[in-house]
C-alpha atoms as a PDB file:
ATOM      1  CA  MET A   1       4.898 -29.062  18.586  1.00  0.00           C
ATOM      2  CA  ASN A   2       2.152 -27.564  17.709  1.00  0.00           C
ATOM      3  CA  GLU A   3       2.554 -24.612  19.158  1.00  0.00           C
ATOM      4  CA  TRP A   4       5.636 -23.906  17.750  1.00  0.00           C
ATOM      5  CA  VAL A   5       4.277 -24.150  14.101  1.00  0.00           C
ATOM      6  CA  VAL A   6       1.878 -21.720  14.851  1.00  0.00           C
ATOM      7  CA  PHE A   7       4.434 -19.281  16.320  1.00  0.00           C
ATOM      8  CA  SER A   8       7.021 -20.052  13.072  1.00  0.00           C
ATOM      9  CA  PHE A   9       4.474 -19.272  10.851  1.00  0.00           C
ATOM     10  CA  ALA A  10       3.047 -15.961  12.657  1.00  0.00           C
ATOM     11  CA  ALA A  11       6.503 -14.889  12.773  1.00  0.00           C
ATOM     12  CA  ILE A  12       7.291 -15.705   9.212  1.00  0.00           C
ATOM     13  CA  LEU A  13       3.955 -13.229   8.813  1.00  0.00           C
ATOM     14  CA  ILE A  14       5.369 -10.412  10.830  1.00  0.00           C
ATOM     15  CA  ILE A  15       8.699 -10.559   9.780  1.00  0.00           C
ATOM     16  CA  GLY A  16       7.553 -10.429   5.925  1.00  0.00           C
ATOM     17  CA  GLY A  17       5.309  -7.404   6.715  1.00  0.00           C
ATOM     18  CA  LEU A  18       8.575  -5.451   8.394  1.00  0.00           C
ATOM     19  CA  LEU A  19      10.675  -5.965   5.421  1.00  0.00           C
ATOM     20  CA  VAL A  20       8.098  -4.567   3.004  1.00  0.00           C
ATOM     21  CA  SER A  21       7.368  -1.551   5.739  1.00  0.00           C
ATOM     22  CA  LEU A  22      11.610  -1.088   5.204  1.00  0.00           C
ATOM     23  CA  ILE A  23      11.482  -1.573   1.382  1.00  0.00           C
ATOM     24  CA  ALA A  24       8.586   1.173   1.508  1.00  0.00           C
ATOM     25  CA  ALA A  25      10.826   3.491   3.486  1.00  0.00           C
ATOM     26  CA  PHE A  26      14.147   2.598   1.284  1.00  0.00           C
ATOM     27  CA  GLY A  27      11.343   3.581  -1.522  1.00  0.00           C
ATOM     28  CA  LEU A  28      10.020   6.767   0.215  1.00  0.00           C
ATOM     29  CA  PHE A  29      13.775   8.259   0.529  1.00  0.00           C
ATOM     30  CA  LYS A  30      14.896   6.859  -3.308  1.00  0.00           C
ATOM     31  CA  PHE A  31      12.610   8.205  -5.508  1.00  0.00           C
ATOM     32  CA  ARG A  32      12.579  11.664  -6.912  1.00  0.00           C
ATOM     33  CA  PHE A  33       9.076  12.952  -7.317  1.00  0.00           C
ATOM     34  CA  ALA A  34       6.374  13.245  -4.637  1.00  0.00           C
ATOM     35  CA  LEU A  35       4.024  10.836  -6.713  1.00  0.00           C
ATOM     36  CA  ASN A  36       6.492   8.449  -7.110  1.00  0.00           C
ATOM     37  CA  ARG A  37       7.471   8.413  -3.460  1.00  0.00           C
ATOM     38  CA  MET A  38       3.464   8.448  -2.329  1.00  0.00           C
ATOM     39  CA  HIS A  39       3.191   5.173  -4.629  1.00  0.00           C
ATOM     40  CA  ALA A  40       5.774   3.390  -2.946  1.00  0.00           C
ATOM     41  CA  ALA A  41       4.487   4.262   0.294  1.00  0.00           C
ATOM     42  CA  ALA A  42       0.688   3.185  -0.185  1.00  0.00           C
ATOM     43  CA  MET A  43       1.540   0.188  -2.358  1.00  0.00           C
ATOM     44  CA  CYS A  44       3.462  -1.437   0.693  1.00  0.00           C
ATOM     45  CA  ASP A  45       2.094  -0.228   3.727  1.00  0.00           C
ATOM     46  CA  THR A  46      -0.935  -1.997   2.888  1.00  0.00           C
ATOM     47  CA  LEU A  47       0.549  -5.233   2.440  1.00  0.00           C
ATOM     48  CA  ALA A  48       2.609  -4.567   5.285  1.00  0.00           C
ATOM     49  CA  ILE A  49      -0.183  -4.083   7.732  1.00  0.00           C
ATOM     50  CA  LEU A  50      -1.916  -6.831   6.430  1.00  0.00           C
ATOM     51  CA  LEU A  51       1.165  -9.442   7.062  1.00  0.00           C
ATOM     52  CA  VAL A  52       1.545  -7.757  10.394  1.00  0.00           C
ATOM     53  CA  LEU A  53      -1.715  -8.293  11.736  1.00  0.00           C
ATOM     54  CA  LEU A  54      -2.415 -11.380  10.149  1.00  0.00           C
ATOM     55  CA  GLY A  55       0.836 -12.864  11.940  1.00  0.00           C
ATOM     56  CA  LEU A  56      -1.061 -11.398  14.847  1.00  0.00           C
ATOM     57  CA  ILE A  57      -3.986 -12.751  14.368  1.00  0.00           C
ATOM     58  CA  VAL A  58      -2.228 -16.385  14.033  1.00  0.00           C
ATOM     59  CA  ILE A  59      -0.502 -16.120  17.245  1.00  0.00           C
ATOM     60  CA  ASP A  60      -4.100 -15.190  19.024  1.00  0.00           C
ATOM     61  CA  GLY A  61      -5.975 -17.465  17.594  1.00  0.00           C
ATOM     62  CA  ALA A  62      -9.659 -17.246  16.872  1.00  0.00           C
ATOM     63  CA  SER A  63     -10.506 -14.764  19.478  1.00  0.00           C
ATOM     64  CA  ILE A  64     -12.782 -11.525  19.682  1.00  0.00           C
ATOM     65  CA  LEU A  65      -9.550  -9.555  19.079  1.00  0.00           C
ATOM     66  CA  SER A  66      -8.959 -11.507  15.908  1.00  0.00           C
ATOM     67  CA  LEU A  67     -12.181 -10.166  14.835  1.00  0.00           C
ATOM     68  CA  LYS A  68     -11.316  -6.767  15.566  1.00  0.00           C
ATOM     69  CA  LEU A  69      -7.657  -7.164  14.109  1.00  0.00           C
ATOM     70  CA  GLY A  70      -9.467  -8.239  11.211  1.00  0.00           C
ATOM     71  CA  LEU A  71     -11.639  -4.864  10.860  1.00  0.00           C
ATOM     72  CA  ILE A  72      -8.780  -2.561  11.275  1.00  0.00           C
ATOM     73  CA  ILE A  73      -7.071  -4.963   8.240  1.00  0.00           C
ATOM     74  CA  VAL A  74     -10.615  -3.610   6.406  1.00  0.00           C
ATOM     75  CA  LEU A  75     -10.681  -0.591   7.798  1.00  0.00           C
ATOM     76  CA  LEU A  76      -6.582   0.234   6.606  1.00  0.00           C
ATOM     77  CA  TRP A  77      -7.630  -1.429   3.224  1.00  0.00           C
ATOM     78  CA  CYS A  78     -10.676   0.892   2.170  1.00  0.00           C
ATOM     79  CA  ALA A  79      -8.815   4.322   3.559  1.00  0.00           C
ATOM     80  CA  SER A  80      -5.068   4.326   2.801  1.00  0.00           C
ATOM     81  CA  PRO A  81      -5.899   4.083  -1.154  1.00  0.00           C
ATOM     82  CA  VAL A  82      -8.483   6.532  -0.986  1.00  0.00           C
ATOM     83  CA  SER A  83      -6.355   8.829   1.385  1.00  0.00           C
ATOM     84  CA  SER A  84      -3.333   8.159  -1.222  1.00  0.00           C
ATOM     85  CA  HIS A  85      -5.781   8.970  -4.550  1.00  0.00           C
ATOM     86  CA  LEU A  86      -6.855  12.278  -3.285  1.00  0.00           C
ATOM     87  CA  LEU A  87      -3.324  13.429  -1.643  1.00  0.00           C
ATOM     88  CA  ALA A  88      -1.975  12.356  -5.381  1.00  0.00           C
ATOM     89  CA  ASN A  89      -4.984  14.522  -7.008  1.00  0.00           C
ATOM     90  CA  MET A  90      -4.235  17.137  -4.526  1.00  0.00           C
ATOM     91  CA  GLU A  91      -0.181  17.450  -5.637  1.00  0.00           C
ATOM     92  CA  VAL A  92      -1.150  17.119  -9.258  1.00  0.00           C
ATOM     93  CA  ILE A  93      -3.560  20.298  -8.969  1.00  0.00           C
ATOM     94  CA  VAL A  94      -1.019  22.392  -6.600  1.00  0.00           C
ATOM     95  CA  SER A  95       1.798  21.513  -8.390  1.00  0.00           C
ATOM     96  CA  SER A  96       2.957  23.829 -11.473  1.00  0.00           C
ATOM     97  CA  LYS A  97       5.688  21.598 -12.870  1.00  0.00           C
ATOM     98  CA  LEU A  98       3.651  18.413 -13.408  1.00  0.00           C
ATOM     99  CA  LYS A  99       0.589  20.790 -14.628  1.00  0.00           C
ATOM    100  CA  ASP A 100       3.408  22.235 -17.167  1.00  0.00           C
ATOM    101  CA  ASN A 101       4.766  18.787 -18.078  1.00  0.00           C
ATOM    102  CA  CYS A 102       1.629  16.808 -18.591  1.00  0.00           C
ATOM    103  CA  GLU A 103       1.459  15.786 -22.224  1.00  0.00           C
ATOM    104  CA  VAL A 104      -2.021  14.745 -22.970  1.00  0.00           C
ATOM    105  CA  PRO A 105      -2.252  12.755 -26.084  1.00  0.00           C
ATOM    106  CA  GLU A 106      -3.779  13.675 -28.702  1.00  0.00           C
ATOM    107  CA  GLN A 107      -7.011  11.990 -30.407  1.00  0.00           C
ATOM    108  CA  GLU A 108      -7.163  10.909 -34.309  1.00  0.00           C
ATOM    109  CA  GLU A 109      -9.777  11.874 -36.395  1.00  0.00           C
ATOM    110  CA  GLY A 110     -12.296   9.414 -37.414  1.00  0.00           C
ATOM    111  CA  GLY A 111     -12.170   7.733 -33.774  1.00  0.00           C
ATOM    112  CA  ALA A 112     -10.128   4.660 -33.963  1.00  0.00           C
ATOM    113  CA  SER A 113      -6.386   3.909 -33.819  1.00  0.00           C
ATOM    114  CA  GLU A 114      -4.232   2.115 -35.784  1.00  0.00           C
ATOM    115  CA  SER A 115      -3.423  -1.233 -34.611  1.00  0.00           C
END
């Protein structure tokens, strides 16, 4: 009975991760601009990776493999947002359309804005 509970919980985590990956794939095709597509992919891949690897950790139990999977989660959670940020900066710098269409809010004199 206990094995089925563990297996069911792990299956729910893995299927949840796969569903989040499908949502990210839909976002890649649905959105028009590169930064929107990148945001959809970056936000969903971190959650999808977390859910799938947590499901694998639950299936494996407490072992050295679970520790390795946990380290993979930490590495990917640190690397994915940083790489997405760098790619977004590159897109903003390179794309002339984004540079021309960027509106910089004007600062009011006096330093404080009205509430």
